[in-house]
N, C-alpha and C. Protein backbone atom coordinates (compact mmCIF):
# COMPACT_ATOMS: atom_id res chain seq x y z
N UNK A 1 0.71 -1.11 0.06
CA UNK A 1 -0.17 0.02 -0.03
C UNK A 1 0.94 1.33 -0.05
N UNK A 2 0.41 2.24 0.16
CA UNK A 2 0.79 3.37 -0.29
C UNK A 2 0.97 4.47 1.13
N UNK A 3 0.87 3.84 2.25
CA UNK A 3 1.03 4.37 3.52
C UNK A 3 2.07 3.69 4.32
N UNK A 4 3.37 4.68 4.75
CA UNK A 4 4.41 4.12 5.00
C UNK A 4 4.40 4.79 6.49
N UNK A 5 5.26 4.21 7.51
CA UNK A 5 5.73 4.82 8.68
C UNK A 5 7.25 4.35 8.86
N UNK A 6 7.87 5.86 9.42
CA UNK A 6 9.16 5.59 9.37
C UNK A 6 9.60 6.09 11.03
N UNK A 7 10.34 5.34 11.73
CA UNK A 7 10.74 5.67 12.71
C UNK A 7 12.36 6.34 12.85
N UNK A 8 12.63 7.36 13.27
CA UNK A 8 13.74 7.84 13.53
C UNK A 8 13.95 8.73 14.69
N UNK A 9 15.22 8.44 15.35
CA UNK A 9 15.62 9.39 16.56
C UNK A 9 14.27 9.60 17.18
N UNK A 10 13.47 8.66 17.80
CA UNK A 10 12.27 8.83 18.70
C UNK A 10 10.99 9.47 18.24
N UNK A 11 11.08 9.66 16.78
CA UNK A 11 9.87 10.51 16.00
C UNK A 11 9.40 9.37 14.88
N UNK A 12 7.98 9.33 14.92
CA UNK A 12 7.44 8.54 14.06
C UNK A 12 6.95 9.27 12.73
N UNK A 13 7.09 8.85 11.73
CA UNK A 13 6.50 9.89 10.57
C UNK A 13 5.57 9.01 9.75
N UNK A 14 4.44 9.45 9.57
CA UNK A 14 3.44 8.52 8.80
C UNK A 14 3.10 9.28 7.69
N UNK A 15 3.45 8.76 6.49
CA UNK A 15 3.28 9.34 5.11
C UNK A 15 2.25 8.75 4.16
N UNK A 16 1.50 9.51 3.62
CA UNK A 16 0.67 8.76 2.57
C UNK A 16 1.29 9.38 1.07
N UNK A 17 1.97 8.25 0.48
CA UNK A 17 2.88 8.31 -0.68
C UNK A 17 1.93 7.73 -1.86
N UNK A 18 1.27 8.50 -2.32
CA UNK A 18 0.56 8.16 -3.59
C UNK A 18 0.24 9.36 -4.50
N UNK A 19 1.29 10.18 -4.90
CA UNK A 19 1.40 11.16 -5.54
C UNK A 19 0.75 11.34 -6.86
N UNK A 20 0.75 9.95 -7.48
CA UNK A 20 -0.03 9.79 -8.62
C UNK A 20 -1.45 10.21 -8.67
N UNK A 21 -2.10 9.95 -7.69
CA UNK A 21 -3.59 10.13 -7.23
C UNK A 21 -3.65 11.50 -6.43
N UNK A 22 -2.57 12.35 -6.19
CA UNK A 22 -2.82 13.30 -5.30
C UNK A 22 -2.96 12.84 -3.94
N UNK A 23 -2.33 11.72 -3.52
CA UNK A 23 -2.53 11.00 -2.12
C UNK A 23 -3.80 10.78 -1.85
N UNK A 24 -4.68 10.66 -2.73
CA UNK A 24 -6.17 10.31 -2.36
C UNK A 24 -5.93 8.74 -1.57
N UNK A 25 -6.88 8.59 -0.97
CA UNK A 25 -6.89 7.36 0.09
C UNK A 25 -8.15 6.38 -0.59
N UNK A 26 -7.71 5.17 -0.77
CA UNK A 26 -8.46 4.18 -1.48
C UNK A 26 -9.05 3.54 -0.03
N UNK A 27 -10.25 2.87 -0.34
CA UNK A 27 -11.13 2.16 0.72
C UNK A 27 -10.01 1.34 1.24
N UNK A 28 -9.33 0.41 0.77
CA UNK A 28 -8.20 -0.40 1.17
C UNK A 28 -7.18 0.51 2.07
N UNK A 29 -6.74 1.49 1.85
CA UNK A 29 -6.01 2.29 2.87
C UNK A 29 -6.69 3.22 3.91
N UNK A 30 -7.98 3.10 4.09
CA UNK A 30 -8.76 3.87 4.94
C UNK A 30 -8.43 3.66 6.58
N UNK A 31 -7.97 2.32 6.88
CA UNK A 31 -7.92 2.07 8.15
C UNK A 31 -6.03 2.01 8.49
N UNK A 32 -5.59 2.29 7.63
CA UNK A 32 -3.78 2.08 7.76
C UNK A 32 -3.46 3.19 8.57
N UNK A 33 -3.81 4.47 8.30
CA UNK A 33 -2.91 5.57 9.15
C UNK A 33 -3.47 5.54 10.59
N UNK A 34 -4.70 5.19 10.82
CA UNK A 34 -5.10 4.82 12.22
C UNK A 34 -4.17 3.79 12.89
N UNK A 35 -4.10 2.93 11.99
CA UNK A 35 -3.60 1.23 12.62
C UNK A 35 -1.99 1.79 13.00
N UNK A 36 -1.43 2.86 12.11
CA UNK A 36 0.08 3.32 12.37
C UNK A 36 0.10 3.86 13.43
N UNK A 37 -0.83 4.90 13.71
CA UNK A 37 -0.94 5.60 15.03
C UNK A 37 -1.07 4.74 16.18
N UNK A 38 -2.05 3.96 16.24
CA UNK A 38 -1.83 2.83 17.52
C UNK A 38 -0.71 2.13 17.68
N UNK A 39 -0.06 1.83 16.63
CA UNK A 39 1.31 1.02 16.76
C UNK A 39 2.22 2.16 17.28
N UNK A 40 2.21 3.08 16.59
CA UNK A 40 3.03 4.16 17.35
C UNK A 40 2.73 4.49 18.97
N UNK A 41 1.42 4.77 19.33
CA UNK A 41 1.09 4.72 20.66
C UNK A 41 1.68 3.90 21.58
N UNK A 42 1.97 2.65 21.00
CA UNK A 42 2.35 1.51 21.80
C UNK A 42 3.93 1.43 22.09
N UNK A 43 4.42 2.27 21.55
CA UNK A 43 6.12 2.32 21.58
C UNK A 43 6.51 3.27 22.36
N UNK A 44 7.13 2.72 23.72
CA UNK A 44 7.55 3.59 24.64
C UNK A 44 8.57 4.47 24.12
N UNK A 45 9.36 4.03 22.96
CA UNK A 45 10.59 4.47 22.77
C UNK A 45 10.29 5.91 21.93
N UNK A 46 9.12 6.02 21.51
CA UNK A 46 8.51 7.06 20.54
C UNK A 46 8.42 8.38 21.50
N UNK A 47 8.99 9.49 20.97
CA UNK A 47 8.53 11.14 21.60
C UNK A 47 7.39 11.70 21.14
N UNK A 48 7.29 11.58 19.70
CA UNK A 48 6.47 12.05 18.80
C UNK A 48 6.03 11.50 17.48
N UNK A 49 4.57 11.66 16.82
CA UNK A 49 4.33 11.20 15.78
C UNK A 49 3.36 12.01 15.16
């Protein structure tokens, strides 16, 4: 899919990477940003996301 989460120096970066469709979210992608945030919330090493 086109949702990416990158963790660097205690900061999680969630990115919608679908420039060919101007970052439009498909129905298949709809829950992925929330899932990434929940995963980040459970990581005690992260300081921000």
